[in-house]
N, C-alpha and C. Protein backbone atom coordinates (compact mmCIF):
# COMPACT_ATOMS: atom_id res chain seq x y z
N MET A 1 -11.97 -2.50 -5.15
CA MET A 1 -13.22 -1.79 -4.93
C MET A 1 -12.96 -0.43 -4.30
N GLN A 2 -12.02 -0.39 -3.39
CA GLN A 2 -11.73 0.87 -2.72
C GLN A 2 -11.14 1.89 -3.70
N SER A 3 -10.31 1.43 -4.63
CA SER A 3 -9.73 2.35 -5.61
C SER A 3 -10.80 2.86 -6.57
N ALA A 4 -11.78 2.02 -6.90
CA ALA A 4 -12.87 2.45 -7.78
C ALA A 4 -13.71 3.53 -7.08
N PHE A 5 -13.98 3.35 -5.82
CA PHE A 5 -14.74 4.34 -5.07
C PHE A 5 -13.97 5.65 -4.98
N ARG A 6 -12.68 5.56 -4.73
CA ARG A 6 -11.84 6.76 -4.65
C ARG A 6 -11.82 7.47 -6.01
N PHE A 7 -11.73 6.70 -7.10
CA PHE A 7 -11.75 7.27 -8.44
C PHE A 7 -13.07 8.01 -8.69
N LEU A 8 -14.19 7.39 -8.34
CA LEU A 8 -15.49 8.04 -8.52
C LEU A 8 -15.61 9.31 -7.68
N LEU A 9 -15.10 9.25 -6.47
CA LEU A 9 -15.16 10.42 -5.59
C LEU A 9 -14.32 11.57 -6.14
N ILE A 10 -13.11 11.26 -6.59
CA ILE A 10 -12.23 12.30 -7.10
C ILE A 10 -12.78 12.91 -8.39
N THR A 11 -13.26 12.08 -9.30
CA THR A 11 -13.81 12.63 -10.55
C THR A 11 -15.07 13.45 -10.27
N SER A 12 -15.87 13.03 -9.31
CA SER A 12 -17.07 13.81 -8.97
C SER A 12 -16.69 15.16 -8.38
N LEU A 13 -15.70 15.18 -7.52
CA LEU A 13 -15.25 16.45 -6.94
C LEU A 13 -14.65 17.37 -8.00
N GLU A 14 -13.91 16.79 -8.95
CA GLU A 14 -13.35 17.59 -10.03
C GLU A 14 -14.45 18.20 -10.89
N VAL A 15 -15.43 17.39 -11.25
CA VAL A 15 -16.54 17.89 -12.08
C VAL A 15 -17.32 18.96 -11.32
N ALA A 16 -17.59 18.72 -10.05
CA ALA A 16 -18.33 19.71 -9.25
C ALA A 16 -17.55 21.02 -9.16
N GLY A 17 -16.26 20.93 -8.97
CA GLY A 17 -15.44 22.14 -8.90
C GLY A 17 -15.46 22.93 -10.19
N VAL A 18 -15.38 22.24 -11.31
CA VAL A 18 -15.41 22.92 -12.61
C VAL A 18 -16.77 23.56 -12.85
N VAL A 19 -17.84 22.85 -12.54
CA VAL A 19 -19.19 23.39 -12.76
C VAL A 19 -19.44 24.61 -11.87
N ILE A 20 -19.05 24.53 -10.62
CA ILE A 20 -19.24 25.67 -9.70
C ILE A 20 -18.38 26.85 -10.13
N ALA A 21 -17.13 26.58 -10.52
CA ALA A 21 -16.26 27.67 -10.96
C ALA A 21 -16.81 28.35 -12.21
N PHE A 22 -17.29 27.55 -13.16
CA PHE A 22 -17.86 28.11 -14.38
C PHE A 22 -19.11 28.94 -14.08
N ALA A 23 -19.98 28.42 -13.22
CA ALA A 23 -21.20 29.16 -12.86
C ALA A 23 -20.85 30.46 -12.13
N PHE A 24 -19.87 30.41 -11.26
CA PHE A 24 -19.44 31.62 -10.55
C PHE A 24 -18.88 32.65 -11.53
N LEU A 25 -18.04 32.19 -12.45
CA LEU A 25 -17.46 33.09 -13.43
C LEU A 25 -18.53 33.74 -14.30
N MET A 26 -19.50 32.95 -14.75
CA MET A 26 -20.57 33.50 -15.57
C MET A 26 -21.44 34.47 -14.78
N THR A 27 -21.64 34.18 -13.50
CA THR A 27 -22.41 35.09 -12.65
C THR A 27 -21.68 36.40 -12.47
N VAL A 28 -20.38 36.33 -12.24
CA VAL A 28 -19.59 37.55 -12.06
C VAL A 28 -19.56 38.37 -13.35
N LEU A 29 -19.43 37.70 -14.49
CA LEU A 29 -19.33 38.43 -15.76
C LEU A 29 -20.65 39.04 -16.20
N PHE A 30 -21.75 38.31 -16.05
CA PHE A 30 -23.01 38.77 -16.61
C PHE A 30 -23.97 39.38 -15.60
N GLU A 31 -23.79 39.10 -14.33
CA GLU A 31 -24.62 39.70 -13.28
C GLU A 31 -23.70 40.07 -12.11
N PRO A 32 -22.93 41.14 -12.24
CA PRO A 32 -21.84 41.44 -11.31
C PRO A 32 -22.22 41.48 -9.82
N GLY A 33 -23.36 41.98 -9.46
CA GLY A 33 -23.71 42.09 -8.06
C GLY A 33 -24.34 40.85 -7.45
N GLU A 34 -24.75 39.93 -8.27
CA GLU A 34 -25.51 38.76 -7.82
C GLU A 34 -24.65 37.69 -7.14
N TRP A 35 -23.35 37.67 -7.37
CA TRP A 35 -22.53 36.61 -6.81
C TRP A 35 -22.44 36.70 -5.29
N LYS A 36 -22.72 37.86 -4.72
CA LYS A 36 -22.66 38.03 -3.26
C LYS A 36 -23.86 37.43 -2.54
N LYS A 37 -24.97 37.20 -3.26
CA LYS A 37 -26.21 36.76 -2.64
C LYS A 37 -26.30 35.25 -2.44
N LEU A 38 -25.52 34.47 -3.13
CA LEU A 38 -25.51 33.01 -3.09
C LEU A 38 -26.78 32.36 -3.64
N ASP A 39 -27.68 33.15 -4.21
CA ASP A 39 -28.85 32.56 -4.87
C ASP A 39 -28.43 31.78 -6.11
N TRP A 40 -27.36 32.22 -6.76
CA TRP A 40 -26.87 31.52 -7.95
C TRP A 40 -26.43 30.12 -7.59
N LEU A 41 -25.87 29.94 -6.39
CA LEU A 41 -25.41 28.62 -5.97
C LEU A 41 -26.59 27.71 -5.63
N ILE A 42 -27.61 28.26 -5.01
CA ILE A 42 -28.81 27.48 -4.69
C ILE A 42 -29.52 27.06 -5.96
N ASP A 43 -29.59 27.97 -6.93
CA ASP A 43 -30.22 27.65 -8.21
C ASP A 43 -29.42 26.63 -9.01
N LEU A 44 -28.13 26.53 -8.74
CA LEU A 44 -27.25 25.62 -9.46
C LEU A 44 -27.38 24.17 -8.97
N MET A 45 -27.86 23.95 -7.78
CA MET A 45 -27.86 22.61 -7.16
C MET A 45 -28.57 21.53 -7.98
N PRO A 46 -29.77 21.75 -8.54
CA PRO A 46 -30.38 20.67 -9.34
C PRO A 46 -29.55 20.31 -10.57
N LEU A 47 -29.01 21.32 -11.24
CA LEU A 47 -28.17 21.06 -12.40
C LEU A 47 -26.89 20.34 -11.99
N LEU A 48 -26.28 20.75 -10.91
CA LEU A 48 -25.06 20.12 -10.42
C LEU A 48 -25.32 18.67 -10.03
N ALA A 49 -26.43 18.41 -9.38
CA ALA A 49 -26.76 17.03 -8.99
C ALA A 49 -26.97 16.16 -10.23
N THR A 50 -27.63 16.69 -11.25
CA THR A 50 -27.83 15.94 -12.49
C THR A 50 -26.50 15.63 -13.16
N ILE A 51 -25.63 16.61 -13.23
CA ILE A 51 -24.32 16.42 -13.85
C ILE A 51 -23.50 15.38 -13.08
N LEU A 52 -23.57 15.42 -11.77
CA LEU A 52 -22.81 14.45 -10.96
C LEU A 52 -23.35 13.03 -11.11
N VAL A 53 -24.65 12.89 -11.22
CA VAL A 53 -25.23 11.55 -11.43
C VAL A 53 -24.82 11.01 -12.79
N ILE A 54 -24.88 11.85 -13.82
CA ILE A 54 -24.45 11.41 -15.15
C ILE A 54 -22.98 11.04 -15.13
N ASN A 55 -22.16 11.83 -14.47
CA ASN A 55 -20.73 11.52 -14.37
C ASN A 55 -20.51 10.19 -13.67
N ALA A 56 -21.21 9.96 -12.58
CA ALA A 56 -21.05 8.69 -11.85
C ALA A 56 -21.45 7.50 -12.72
N LEU A 57 -22.52 7.63 -13.47
CA LEU A 57 -22.95 6.54 -14.35
C LEU A 57 -21.93 6.26 -15.45
N VAL A 58 -21.43 7.31 -16.06
CA VAL A 58 -20.44 7.15 -17.13
C VAL A 58 -19.16 6.54 -16.60
N GLN A 59 -18.68 7.03 -15.47
CA GLN A 59 -17.44 6.51 -14.90
C GLN A 59 -17.60 5.06 -14.42
N THR A 60 -18.75 4.73 -13.88
CA THR A 60 -19.01 3.34 -13.47
C THR A 60 -19.02 2.42 -14.67
N PHE A 61 -19.64 2.86 -15.75
CA PHE A 61 -19.65 2.08 -16.99
C PHE A 61 -18.23 1.87 -17.50
N ARG A 62 -17.42 2.92 -17.49
CA ARG A 62 -16.04 2.81 -17.95
C ARG A 62 -15.21 1.90 -17.06
N LEU A 63 -15.42 1.97 -15.75
CA LEU A 63 -14.68 1.10 -14.83
C LEU A 63 -15.05 -0.37 -15.03
N ARG A 64 -16.34 -0.64 -15.23
CA ARG A 64 -16.77 -2.03 -15.47
C ARG A 64 -16.19 -2.57 -16.77
N ARG A 65 -16.20 -1.74 -17.80
CA ARG A 65 -15.67 -2.17 -19.09
C ARG A 65 -14.16 -2.42 -18.99
N ARG A 66 -13.47 -1.58 -18.27
CA ARG A 66 -12.03 -1.77 -18.08
C ARG A 66 -11.74 -3.03 -17.25
N ALA A 67 -12.58 -3.32 -16.27
CA ALA A 67 -12.40 -4.52 -15.44
C ALA A 67 -12.63 -5.79 -16.25
N ARG A 68 -13.57 -5.77 -17.19
CA ARG A 68 -13.84 -6.94 -18.02
C ARG A 68 -12.65 -7.25 -18.95
N ARG A 69 -11.98 -6.24 -19.41
CA ARG A 69 -10.84 -6.42 -20.31
C ARG A 69 -9.66 -7.08 -19.62
N ARG A 70 -9.53 -6.87 -18.35
CA ARG A 70 -8.38 -7.40 -17.60
C ARG A 70 -8.64 -8.76 -17.11
């Protein structure tokens, strides 16, 4: 159980890092001065939360399916 929780935590952090990095890169490229205001990060939070919930559901489903096989 502890390894499953650690797996979910690590995958969630990886996904969050990629989403934030991508949003930052797009903000820098298409709205050069806006990245300093941090409004882009506040606007990103609902989307990031949705992506993390979907990731957690998918990874939980995969972990359960893998556990049934063993």
